[in-house]
Amino acid sequence: MLLWILVFGFWSFSSDPALAATAHVTPSADTALLENFPTNNLGGQTWFNAGTTQIFTKNRGLLKFDIATAIPAGARITAVSLTVHVTKSPVDGDLPSTFDLHRMLVDWGEGNKSGDPPLLGAEATLGEANWTHRFALTTNAWGTPGGATGIDFASESSADTYVYGVHFSPYVFELNTNMIADVQLWLDHPEQNLGWMLKTRNEAENFSARRFASREDEFLPPLLVVEYSMVHFEHITKSGNNIILAIGAAAGQPFSVEYCDELFGDRWLGLTNVPAQAEATLIHLEVPIVSHGRFYRLRSE
């Protein structure tokens, strides 16, 4: 991330030492893996399934969010929550259970198939995820059908919440440092943004299956809310023959200050490197006033 400022005069900005913002992101892809329909894809449904059915077959949901286009590069993630809506529970039995989010370790294809009960989804075509394959009709099978712990998805849960049924919906996954770490990883390394798997913690118990509204649901799509902070120029003051650059530093975000005499020049020089701070703080840098215009920028990779 780069932030520029031109020093010809002096300006004043906000008083918050950490420039905070919030992004609201709906999935860029979501689908479900159904053991009872192992070759079917459900990427075009208005819901995705997760949990164990009354006949003890397993369902697992997949979600992915395009973090890199929603949040500026170099930002520091400070809070994350995911809200999902249950639209249907088993009609002939019901078992509330804990559902977990697990960070995906491999990629998968959303697909575009849909279909109404008793047939859910439709036969997967090339590149679409189903119970047996990450990308159907290729050699890219799951480590085990439905995904293997530690191979296809992380064994540690990123977040969990207790899910009852439709009447207590929506449900929120939040307040977990693993979720923050996941989203920070996806922002810093977009190639590793492979999404989450949603699954019930105890798949040996039946009747926990639920339908969750997918991104195709016009009114109730999953919603990821991400709070983040960024390094920024706070204000500039004059002190004798110097100017003082006040820089709002976000917690845990190292950055460097560079300067150049031409905005579009390629001779940017380093002024200083600032290590990561334990908490959001205001840093003051004193630099000499020059007779000509000078440009300063912050760099946080």
C-alpha atoms as a PDB file:
ATOM      1  CA  MET A   1       0.000   0.000   0.000  1.00  0.00           C
ATOM      2  CA  LEU A   2       1.255   3.493  -0.839  1.00  0.00           C
ATOM      3  CA  LEU A   3       0.023   6.824   0.533  1.00  0.00           C
ATOM      4  CA  TRP A   4       1.360  10.125  -0.808  1.00  0.00           C
ATOM      5  CA  ILE A   5       1.403  13.665   0.508  1.00  0.00           C
ATOM      6  CA  LEU A   6       2.853  16.843  -1.074  1.00  0.00           C
ATOM      7  CA  VAL A   7       4.399  19.350   1.283  1.00  0.00           C
ATOM      8  CA  PHE A   8       3.837  22.902   0.018  1.00  0.00           C
ATOM      9  CA  GLY A   9       1.592  23.956   2.889  1.00  0.00           C
ATOM     10  CA  PHE A  10       0.067  22.408   5.952  1.00  0.00           C
ATOM     11  CA  TRP A  11      -3.145  20.476   6.363  1.00  0.00           C
ATOM     12  CA  SER A  12      -5.044  18.847   9.195  1.00  0.00           C
ATOM     13  CA  PHE A  13      -6.710  15.426   9.061  1.00  0.00           C
ATOM     14  CA  SER A  14      -8.710  13.235  11.430  1.00  0.00           C
ATOM     15  CA  SER A  15      -7.692  12.821  15.071  1.00  0.00           C
ATOM     16  CA  ASP A  16      -7.919   9.004  15.213  1.00  0.00           C
ATOM     17  CA  PRO A  17      -4.369   7.556  15.380  1.00  0.00           C
ATOM     18  CA  ALA A  18      -5.514   4.469  13.465  1.00  0.00           C
ATOM     19  CA  LEU A  19      -7.450   5.062  10.260  1.00  0.00           C
ATOM     20  CA  ALA A  20     -10.244   2.529  10.795  1.00  0.00           C
ATOM     21  CA  ALA A  21     -12.738   1.309   8.229  1.00  0.00           C
ATOM     22  CA  THR A  22     -15.225  -1.505   7.736  1.00  0.00           C
ATOM     23  CA  ALA A  23     -15.831  -3.672   4.669  1.00  0.00           C
ATOM     24  CA  HIS A  24     -19.010  -5.658   4.034  1.00  0.00           C
ATOM     25  CA  VAL A  25     -18.323  -8.572   1.699  1.00  0.00           C
ATOM     26  CA  THR A  26     -20.658 -11.196   0.250  1.00  0.00           C
ATOM     27  CA  PRO A  27     -19.232 -14.460  -1.128  1.00  0.00           C
ATOM     28  CA  SER A  28     -17.532 -14.580  -4.479  1.00  0.00           C
ATOM     29  CA  ALA A  29     -18.279 -18.323  -4.544  1.00  0.00           C
ATOM     30  CA  ASP A  30     -20.188 -20.863  -2.450  1.00  0.00           C
ATOM     31  CA  THR A  31     -21.443 -24.399  -2.910  1.00  0.00           C
ATOM     32  CA  ALA A  32     -22.029 -27.654  -1.036  1.00  0.00           C
ATOM     33  CA  LEU A  33     -20.618 -31.173  -1.018  1.00  0.00           C
ATOM     34  CA  LEU A  34     -23.263 -33.865  -0.477  1.00  0.00           C
ATOM     35  CA  GLU A  35     -22.344 -37.436   0.350  1.00  0.00           C
ATOM     36  CA  ASN A  36     -25.793 -38.625  -0.744  1.00  0.00           C
ATOM     37  CA  PHE A  37     -25.314 -37.023  -4.208  1.00  0.00           C
ATOM     38  CA  PRO A  38     -21.564 -37.571  -4.648  1.00  0.00           C
ATOM     39  CA  THR A  39     -21.302 -36.548  -8.313  1.00  0.00           C
ATOM     40  CA  ASN A  40     -23.640 -33.546  -8.119  1.00  0.00           C
ATOM     41  CA  ASN A  41     -22.712 -29.891  -7.968  1.00  0.00           C
ATOM     42  CA  LEU A  42     -24.850 -27.277  -6.139  1.00  0.00           C
ATOM     43  CA  GLY A  43     -23.079 -24.049  -7.070  1.00  0.00           C
ATOM     44  CA  GLY A  44     -26.198 -22.410  -8.513  1.00  0.00           C
ATOM     45  CA  GLN A  45     -28.577 -23.155  -5.622  1.00  0.00           C
ATOM     46  CA  THR A  46     -29.993 -20.372  -3.484  1.00  0.00           C
ATOM     47  CA  TRP A  47     -28.699 -22.354  -0.519  1.00  0.00           C
ATOM     48  CA  PHE A  48     -25.795 -24.587   0.446  1.00  0.00           C
ATOM     49  CA  ASN A  49     -26.048 -27.554   2.777  1.00  0.00           C
ATOM     50  CA  ALA A  50     -24.022 -28.431   5.874  1.00  0.00           C
ATOM     51  CA  GLY A  51     -24.540 -30.967   8.647  1.00  0.00           C
ATOM     52  CA  THR A  52     -25.562 -34.632   8.879  1.00  0.00           C
ATOM     53  CA  THR A  53     -28.885 -35.828   7.449  1.00  0.00           C
ATOM     54  CA  GLN A  54     -31.426 -38.129   9.109  1.00  0.00           C
ATOM     55  CA  ILE A  55     -29.899 -41.070   7.183  1.00  0.00           C
ATOM     56  CA  PHE A  56     -26.400 -40.254   8.483  1.00  0.00           C
ATOM     57  CA  THR A  57     -25.004 -38.842   5.218  1.00  0.00           C
ATOM     58  CA  LYS A  58     -22.754 -35.805   5.521  1.00  0.00           C
ATOM     59  CA  ASN A  59     -23.072 -32.355   3.930  1.00  0.00           C
ATOM     60  CA  ARG A  60     -20.336 -29.727   3.918  1.00  0.00           C
ATOM     61  CA  GLY A  61     -20.521 -26.134   2.733  1.00  0.00           C
ATOM     62  CA  LEU A  62     -17.825 -24.093   0.990  1.00  0.00           C
ATOM     63  CA  LEU A  63     -17.534 -20.289   0.940  1.00  0.00           C
ATOM     64  CA  LYS A  64     -15.004 -17.913  -0.564  1.00  0.00           C
ATOM     65  CA  PHE A  65     -14.740 -14.098  -0.294  1.00  0.00           C
ATOM     66  CA  ASP A  66     -12.806 -11.738  -2.568  1.00  0.00           C
ATOM     67  CA  ILE A  67     -10.843  -9.953   0.146  1.00  0.00           C
ATOM     68  CA  ALA A  68      -8.225  -8.336  -2.092  1.00  0.00           C
ATOM     69  CA  THR A  69     -10.755  -6.187  -3.969  1.00  0.00           C
ATOM     70  CA  ALA A  70     -12.693  -5.201  -0.846  1.00  0.00           C
ATOM     71  CA  ILE A  71      -9.836  -4.119   1.430  1.00  0.00           C
ATOM     72  CA  PRO A  72      -6.724  -2.041   0.562  1.00  0.00           C
ATOM     73  CA  ALA A  73      -3.428  -3.892   0.418  1.00  0.00           C
ATOM     74  CA  GLY A  74      -1.331  -3.271   3.508  1.00  0.00           C
ATOM     75  CA  ALA A  75      -4.311  -2.893   5.845  1.00  0.00           C
ATOM     76  CA  ARG A  76      -4.297  -4.628   9.226  1.00  0.00           C
ATOM     77  CA  ILE A  77      -7.361  -6.694  10.025  1.00  0.00           C
ATOM     78  CA  THR A  78      -8.707  -5.948  13.503  1.00  0.00           C
ATOM     79  CA  ALA A  79     -12.059  -7.767  13.655  1.00  0.00           C
ATOM     80  CA  VAL A  80     -14.023 -10.257  11.540  1.00  0.00           C
ATOM     81  CA  SER A  81     -17.524 -11.682  11.711  1.00  0.00           C
ATOM     82  CA  LEU A  82     -19.543 -13.902   9.379  1.00  0.00           C
ATOM     83  CA  THR A  83     -23.347 -13.927   9.428  1.00  0.00           C
ATOM     84  CA  VAL A  84     -25.284 -16.799   7.858  1.00  0.00           C
ATOM     85  CA  HIS A  85     -28.999 -17.521   7.616  1.00  0.00           C
ATOM     86  CA  VAL A  86     -30.622 -20.944   8.033  1.00  0.00           C
ATOM     87  CA  THR A  87     -33.497 -21.367   5.581  1.00  0.00           C
ATOM     88  CA  LYS A  88     -34.469 -25.002   6.252  1.00  0.00           C
ATOM     89  CA  SER A  89     -34.004 -27.767   8.848  1.00  0.00           C
ATOM     90  CA  PRO A  90     -34.989 -31.486   8.698  1.00  0.00           C
ATOM     91  CA  VAL A  91     -38.774 -31.843   8.820  1.00  0.00           C
ATOM     92  CA  ASP A  92     -38.865 -35.190  10.611  1.00  0.00           C
ATOM     93  CA  GLY A  93     -36.258 -34.536  13.300  1.00  0.00           C
ATOM     94  CA  ASP A  94     -33.979 -31.778  14.495  1.00  0.00           C
ATOM     95  CA  LEU A  95     -30.658 -31.717  16.346  1.00  0.00           C
ATOM     96  CA  PRO A  96     -29.029 -28.353  17.071  1.00  0.00           C
ATOM     97  CA  SER A  97     -25.244 -28.573  16.927  1.00  0.00           C
ATOM     98  CA  THR A  98     -22.008 -26.641  16.855  1.00  0.00           C
ATOM     99  CA  PHE A  99     -20.862 -25.666  13.368  1.00  0.00           C
ATOM    100  CA  ASP A 100     -17.223 -24.839  12.600  1.00  0.00           C
ATOM    101  CA  LEU A 101     -15.444 -22.858   9.918  1.00  0.00           C
ATOM    102  CA  HIS A 102     -12.222 -24.462   8.681  1.00  0.00           C
ATOM    103  CA  ARG A 103      -9.763 -22.647   6.412  1.00  0.00           C
ATOM    104  CA  MET A 104      -9.453 -24.376   3.062  1.00  0.00           C
ATOM    105  CA  LEU A 105      -5.987 -25.545   2.007  1.00  0.00           C
ATOM    106  CA  VAL A 106      -6.837 -26.382  -1.615  1.00  0.00           C
ATOM    107  CA  ASP A 107      -8.876 -24.682  -4.325  1.00  0.00           C
ATOM    108  CA  TRP A 108     -12.268 -25.802  -5.634  1.00  0.00           C
ATOM    109  CA  GLY A 109     -14.765 -24.911  -8.344  1.00  0.00           C
ATOM    110  CA  GLU A 110     -18.075 -23.323  -7.389  1.00  0.00           C
ATOM    111  CA  GLY A 111     -20.046 -24.500 -10.429  1.00  0.00           C
ATOM    112  CA  ASN A 112     -23.543 -23.367 -11.407  1.00  0.00           C
ATOM    113  CA  LYS A 113     -25.840 -26.346 -10.919  1.00  0.00           C
ATOM    114  CA  SER A 114     -29.187 -26.286  -9.153  1.00  0.00           C
ATOM    115  CA  GLY A 115     -32.059 -28.688  -8.662  1.00  0.00           C
ATOM    116  CA  ASP A 116     -35.091 -29.230  -6.449  1.00  0.00           C
ATOM    117  CA  PRO A 117     -35.757 -32.100  -4.027  1.00  0.00           C
ATOM    118  CA  PRO A 118     -35.690 -35.020  -4.050  1.00  0.00           C
ATOM    119  CA  LEU A 119     -32.719 -34.481  -6.391  1.00  0.00           C
ATOM    120  CA  LEU A 120     -30.373 -31.813  -5.065  1.00  0.00           C
ATOM    121  CA  GLY A 121     -28.148 -30.036  -7.559  1.00  0.00           C
ATOM    122  CA  ALA A 122     -27.253 -31.649 -10.857  1.00  0.00           C
ATOM    123  CA  GLU A 123     -24.449 -33.725 -12.307  1.00  0.00           C
ATOM    124  CA  ALA A 124     -21.217 -31.747 -12.085  1.00  0.00           C
ATOM    125  CA  THR A 125     -19.559 -30.737 -15.317  1.00  0.00           C
ATOM    126  CA  LEU A 126     -15.900 -29.967 -15.931  1.00  0.00           C
ATOM    127  CA  GLY A 127     -14.233 -28.037 -13.114  1.00  0.00           C
ATOM    128  CA  GLU A 128     -17.158 -28.027 -10.661  1.00  0.00           C
ATOM    129  CA  ALA A 129     -16.870 -29.210  -7.058  1.00  0.00           C
ATOM    130  CA  ASN A 130     -18.744 -32.269  -5.820  1.00  0.00           C
ATOM    131  CA  TRP A 131     -18.333 -34.813  -3.015  1.00  0.00           C
ATOM    132  CA  THR A 132     -15.569 -36.713  -4.801  1.00  0.00           C
ATOM    133  CA  HIS A 133     -13.656 -34.005  -6.662  1.00  0.00           C
ATOM    134  CA  ARG A 134     -12.510 -30.431  -6.130  1.00  0.00           C
ATOM    135  CA  PHE A 135     -12.796 -30.012  -9.888  1.00  0.00           C
ATOM    136  CA  ALA A 136     -15.064 -32.600 -11.509  1.00  0.00           C
ATOM    137  CA  LEU A 137     -13.890 -34.618 -14.513  1.00  0.00           C
ATOM    138  CA  THR A 138     -10.239 -33.898 -13.705  1.00  0.00           C
ATOM    139  CA  THR A 139      -7.632 -35.675 -11.589  1.00  0.00           C
ATOM    140  CA  ASN A 140      -8.172 -33.124  -8.774  1.00  0.00           C
ATOM    141  CA  ALA A 141      -9.959 -35.352  -6.268  1.00  0.00           C
ATOM    142  CA  TRP A 142     -10.358 -34.508  -2.584  1.00  0.00           C
ATOM    143  CA  GLY A 143      -7.865 -36.197  -0.238  1.00  0.00           C
ATOM    144  CA  THR A 144     -10.861 -38.287   0.840  1.00  0.00           C
ATOM    145  CA  PRO A 145     -14.424 -37.828  -0.471  1.00  0.00           C
ATOM    146  CA  GLY A 146     -15.866 -34.652   1.013  1.00  0.00           C
ATOM    147  CA  GLY A 147     -12.432 -33.315   1.938  1.00  0.00           C
ATOM    148  CA  ALA A 148      -9.664 -34.582   4.211  1.00  0.00           C
ATOM    149  CA  THR A 149      -8.662 -32.932   7.491  1.00  0.00           C
ATOM    150  CA  GLY A 150      -5.189 -31.406   7.284  1.00  0.00           C
ATOM    151  CA  ILE A 151      -5.008 -32.027   3.533  1.00  0.00           C
ATOM    152  CA  ASP A 152      -7.999 -30.223   2.051  1.00  0.00           C
ATOM    153  CA  PHE A 153      -8.963 -28.078   5.047  1.00  0.00           C
ATOM    154  CA  ALA A 154      -7.251 -27.035   8.279  1.00  0.00           C
ATOM    155  CA  SER A 155      -7.849 -29.308  11.229  1.00  0.00           C
ATOM    156  CA  GLU A 156      -8.202 -26.376  13.637  1.00  0.00           C
ATOM    157  CA  SER A 157     -11.472 -24.503  13.620  1.00  0.00           C
ATOM    158  CA  SER A 158     -11.261 -20.831  12.673  1.00  0.00           C
ATOM    159  CA  ALA A 159     -14.549 -20.033  14.431  1.00  0.00           C
ATOM    160  CA  ASP A 160     -17.681 -21.776  15.648  1.00  0.00           C
ATOM    161  CA  THR A 161     -21.269 -21.056  16.576  1.00  0.00           C
ATOM    162  CA  TYR A 162     -24.198 -23.092  17.856  1.00  0.00           C
ATOM    163  CA  VAL A 163     -26.914 -23.502  15.248  1.00  0.00           C
ATOM    164  CA  TYR A 164     -30.517 -24.266  16.163  1.00  0.00           C
ATOM    165  CA  GLY A 165     -32.843 -23.804  13.208  1.00  0.00           C
ATOM    166  CA  VAL A 166     -34.728 -21.301  11.092  1.00  0.00           C
ATOM    167  CA  HIS A 167     -36.486 -19.539  13.954  1.00  0.00           C
ATOM    168  CA  PHE A 168     -33.298 -18.415  15.698  1.00  0.00           C
ATOM    169  CA  SER A 169     -31.570 -17.348  12.485  1.00  0.00           C
ATOM    170  CA  PRO A 170     -29.283 -15.549  11.645  1.00  0.00           C
ATOM    171  CA  TYR A 171     -26.126 -17.006  13.193  1.00  0.00           C
ATOM    172  CA  VAL A 172     -22.833 -15.202  13.626  1.00  0.00           C
ATOM    173  CA  PHE A 173     -19.259 -16.500  13.677  1.00  0.00           C
ATOM    174  CA  GLU A 174     -17.145 -13.886  15.441  1.00  0.00           C
ATOM    175  CA  LEU A 175     -14.648 -12.936  18.154  1.00  0.00           C
ATOM    176  CA  ASN A 176     -12.002 -15.392  17.074  1.00  0.00           C
ATOM    177  CA  THR A 177      -8.359 -14.567  16.396  1.00  0.00           C
ATOM    178  CA  ASN A 178      -8.174 -17.410  13.870  1.00  0.00           C
ATOM    179  CA  MET A 179     -10.772 -15.679  11.679  1.00  0.00           C
ATOM    180  CA  ILE A 180      -8.715 -12.495  11.804  1.00  0.00           C
ATOM    181  CA  ALA A 181      -5.581 -14.448  10.904  1.00  0.00           C
ATOM    182  CA  ASP A 182      -7.378 -16.123   7.983  1.00  0.00           C
ATOM    183  CA  VAL A 183      -8.573 -12.851   6.464  1.00  0.00           C
ATOM    184  CA  GLN A 184      -5.182 -11.191   7.017  1.00  0.00           C
ATOM    185  CA  LEU A 185      -3.534 -14.110   5.220  1.00  0.00           C
ATOM    186  CA  TRP A 186      -5.969 -13.812   2.316  1.00  0.00           C
ATOM    187  CA  LEU A 187      -5.322 -10.076   2.041  1.00  0.00           C
ATOM    188  CA  ASP A 188      -1.538 -10.391   2.168  1.00  0.00           C
ATOM    189  CA  HIS A 189      -1.398 -13.537   0.017  1.00  0.00           C
ATOM    190  CA  PRO A 190      -4.418 -13.630  -2.332  1.00  0.00           C
ATOM    191  CA  GLU A 191      -3.174 -16.870  -3.892  1.00  0.00           C
ATOM    192  CA  GLN A 192      -3.914 -18.560  -0.553  1.00  0.00           C
ATOM    193  CA  ASN A 193      -7.487 -17.265  -0.391  1.00  0.00           C
ATOM    194  CA  LEU A 194      -9.286 -20.586  -0.816  1.00  0.00           C
ATOM    195  CA  GLY A 195     -12.180 -19.869   1.524  1.00  0.00           C
ATOM    196  CA  TRP A 196     -13.720 -21.778   4.428  1.00  0.00           C
ATOM    197  CA  MET A 197     -15.486 -25.089   4.836  1.00  0.00           C
ATOM    198  CA  LEU A 198     -18.614 -25.062   7.019  1.00  0.00           C
ATOM    199  CA  LYS A 199     -19.313 -28.361   8.777  1.00  0.00           C
ATOM    200  CA  THR A 200     -20.976 -29.617  11.914  1.00  0.00           C
ATOM    201  CA  ARG A 201     -18.479 -30.565  14.621  1.00  0.00           C
ATOM    202  CA  ASN A 202     -20.034 -33.973  15.312  1.00  0.00           C
ATOM    203  CA  GLU A 203     -20.862 -35.535  11.967  1.00  0.00           C
ATOM    204  CA  ALA A 204     -21.668 -38.885  13.638  1.00  0.00           C
ATOM    205  CA  GLU A 205     -24.985 -37.512  14.941  1.00  0.00           C
ATOM    206  CA  ASN A 206     -27.829 -37.232  12.473  1.00  0.00           C
ATOM    207  CA  PHE A 207     -30.498 -34.543  12.034  1.00  0.00           C
ATOM    208  CA  SER A 208     -27.999 -31.647  12.261  1.00  0.00           C
ATOM    209  CA  ALA A 209     -28.311 -30.900   8.517  1.00  0.00           C
ATOM    210  CA  ARG A 210     -29.266 -27.329   7.657  1.00  0.00           C
ATOM    211  CA  ARG A 211     -29.695 -25.270   4.511  1.00  0.00           C
ATOM    212  CA  PHE A 212     -27.893 -21.951   4.626  1.00  0.00           C
ATOM    213  CA  ALA A 213     -28.770 -19.101   2.255  1.00  0.00           C
ATOM    214  CA  SER A 214     -26.122 -18.792  -0.457  1.00  0.00           C
ATOM    215  CA  ARG A 215     -24.912 -15.810  -2.444  1.00  0.00           C
ATOM    216  CA  GLU A 216     -27.621 -16.578  -5.001  1.00  0.00           C
ATOM    217  CA  ASP A 217     -30.228 -15.696  -2.349  1.00  0.00           C
ATOM    218  CA  GLU A 218     -31.199 -12.122  -3.170  1.00  0.00           C
ATOM    219  CA  PHE A 219     -32.180 -11.242   0.395  1.00  0.00           C
ATOM    220  CA  LEU A 220     -30.103 -13.359   2.804  1.00  0.00           C
ATOM    221  CA  PRO A 221     -26.616 -14.015   1.390  1.00  0.00           C
ATOM    222  CA  PRO A 222     -23.761 -14.705   3.827  1.00  0.00           C
ATOM    223  CA  LEU A 223     -22.139 -11.479   4.966  1.00  0.00           C
ATOM    224  CA  LEU A 224     -18.530 -11.104   6.028  1.00  0.00           C
ATOM    225  CA  VAL A 225     -17.867  -7.916   8.015  1.00  0.00           C
ATOM    226  CA  VAL A 226     -14.205  -6.957   8.261  1.00  0.00           C
ATOM    227  CA  GLU A 227     -12.838  -4.109  10.351  1.00  0.00           C
ATOM    228  CA  TYR A 228      -9.352  -2.901   9.473  1.00  0.00           C
ATOM    229  CA  SER A 229      -6.918  -0.079  10.075  1.00  0.00           C
ATOM    230  CA  MET A 230      -4.265   1.563   7.894  1.00  0.00           C
ATOM    231  CA  VAL A 231      -1.153   3.652   8.320  1.00  0.00           C
ATOM    232  CA  HIS A 232      -1.850   7.222   7.189  1.00  0.00           C
ATOM    233  CA  PHE A 233      -0.709  10.822   7.340  1.00  0.00           C
ATOM    234  CA  GLU A 234      -2.524  12.446  10.259  1.00  0.00           C
ATOM    235  CA  HIS A 235      -1.414  16.077  10.049  1.00  0.00           C
ATOM    236  CA  ILE A 236       1.574  18.328   9.311  1.00  0.00           C
ATOM    237  CA  THR A 237       2.859  21.191  11.443  1.00  0.00           C
ATOM    238  CA  LYS A 238       5.764  23.621  11.202  1.00  0.00           C
ATOM    239  CA  SER A 239       8.435  23.950  13.882  1.00  0.00           C
ATOM    240  CA  GLY A 240      11.124  26.482  13.078  1.00  0.00           C
ATOM    241  CA  ASN A 241      12.935  25.351   9.941  1.00  0.00           C
ATOM    242  CA  ASN A 242      11.403  21.909  10.109  1.00  0.00           C
ATOM    243  CA  ILE A 243       8.099  20.286   9.421  1.00  0.00           C
ATOM    244  CA  ILE A 244       6.665  17.544  11.599  1.00  0.00           C
ATOM    245  CA  LEU A 245       4.860  14.685   9.903  1.00  0.00           C
ATOM    246  CA  ALA A 246       2.352  13.089  12.240  1.00  0.00           C
ATOM    247  CA  ILE A 247       1.628   9.549  11.093  1.00  0.00           C
ATOM    248  CA  GLY A 248      -1.147   7.366  12.419  1.00  0.00           C
ATOM    249  CA  ALA A 249       0.289   3.870  12.788  1.00  0.00           C
ATOM    250  CA  ALA A 250      -1.964   0.842  13.031  1.00  0.00           C
ATOM    251  CA  ALA A 251      -1.122  -1.884  15.528  1.00  0.00           C
ATOM    252  CA  GLY A 252       1.150  -4.582  14.148  1.00  0.00           C
ATOM    253  CA  GLN A 253       1.830  -2.750  10.879  1.00  0.00           C
ATOM    254  CA  PRO A 254       5.463  -1.855  10.044  1.00  0.00           C
ATOM    255  CA  PHE A 255       5.955   0.788   7.361  1.00  0.00           C
ATOM    256  CA  SER A 256       8.534   3.036   5.768  1.00  0.00           C
ATOM    257  CA  VAL A 257       8.543   6.746   4.908  1.00  0.00           C
ATOM    258  CA  GLU A 258      10.030   7.804   1.570  1.00  0.00           C
ATOM    259  CA  TYR A 259      10.494  11.142  -0.189  1.00  0.00           C
ATOM    260  CA  CYS A 260      11.066  12.449  -3.706  1.00  0.00           C
ATOM    261  CA  ASP A 261      11.298  15.861  -5.362  1.00  0.00           C
ATOM    262  CA  GLU A 262       9.154  14.754  -8.320  1.00  0.00           C
ATOM    263  CA  LEU A 263       5.813  13.058  -7.844  1.00  0.00           C
ATOM    264  CA  PHE A 264       6.188  10.791 -10.844  1.00  0.00           C
ATOM    265  CA  GLY A 265       9.928  10.383 -10.510  1.00  0.00           C
ATOM    266  CA  ASP A 266      11.620   7.073  -9.851  1.00  0.00           C
ATOM    267  CA  ARG A 267      14.170   8.341  -7.334  1.00  0.00           C
ATOM    268  CA  TRP A 268      12.256   7.765  -4.118  1.00  0.00           C
ATOM    269  CA  LEU A 269      14.634   7.797  -1.160  1.00  0.00           C
ATOM    270  CA  GLY A 270      14.145   6.226   2.211  1.00  0.00           C
ATOM    271  CA  LEU A 271      13.594   8.577   5.137  1.00  0.00           C
ATOM    272  CA  THR A 272      13.024   6.010   7.884  1.00  0.00           C
ATOM    273  CA  ASN A 273      11.638   2.583   8.643  1.00  0.00           C
ATOM    274  CA  VAL A 274       9.127   2.264  11.457  1.00  0.00           C
ATOM    275  CA  PRO A 275       8.736  -1.140  13.138  1.00  0.00           C
ATOM    276  CA  ALA A 276       5.345  -2.596  14.032  1.00  0.00           C
ATOM    277  CA  GLN A 277       3.751  -0.935  17.045  1.00  0.00           C
ATOM    278  CA  ALA A 278       2.073  -2.849  19.866  1.00  0.00           C
ATOM    279  CA  GLU A 279      -1.025  -0.652  19.556  1.00  0.00           C
ATOM    280  CA  ALA A 280      -2.381   2.119  17.354  1.00  0.00           C
ATOM    281  CA  THR A 281      -0.321   5.218  17.980  1.00  0.00           C
ATOM    282  CA  LEU A 282       0.675   8.606  16.556  1.00  0.00           C
ATOM    283  CA  ILE A 283       4.296   8.877  15.383  1.00  0.00           C
ATOM    284  CA  HIS A 284       5.978  12.255  14.789  1.00  0.00           C
ATOM    285  CA  LEU A 285       8.827  12.643  12.294  1.00  0.00           C
ATOM    286  CA  GLU A 286      10.740  15.932  12.086  1.00  0.00           C
ATOM    287  CA  VAL A 287      12.262  16.756   8.687  1.00  0.00           C
ATOM    288  CA  PRO A 288      13.926  19.924   7.301  1.00  0.00           C
ATOM    289  CA  ILE A 289      11.913  22.323   5.148  1.00  0.00           C
ATOM    290  CA  VAL A 290      13.232  22.518   1.586  1.00  0.00           C
ATOM    291  CA  SER A 291      12.968  25.494  -0.771  1.00  0.00           C
ATOM    292  CA  HIS A 292      11.126  23.482  -3.415  1.00  0.00           C
ATOM    293  CA  GLY A 293       8.133  21.172  -3.232  1.00  0.00           C
ATOM    294  CA  ARG A 294       8.792  17.733  -1.817  1.00  0.00           C
ATOM    295  CA  PHE A 295       6.674  14.632  -1.872  1.00  0.00           C
ATOM    296  CA  TYR A 296       6.400  12.115   0.951  1.00  0.00           C
ATOM    297  CA  ARG A 297       4.818   8.700   0.853  1.00  0.00           C
ATOM    298  CA  LEU A 298       4.151   5.820   3.213  1.00  0.00           C
ATOM    299  CA  ARG A 299       4.855   2.296   2.086  1.00  0.00           C
ATOM    300  CA  SER A 300       3.318  -0.696   3.808  1.00  0.00           C
ATOM    301  CA  GLU A 301       3.559  -4.021   2.007  1.00  0.00           C
END
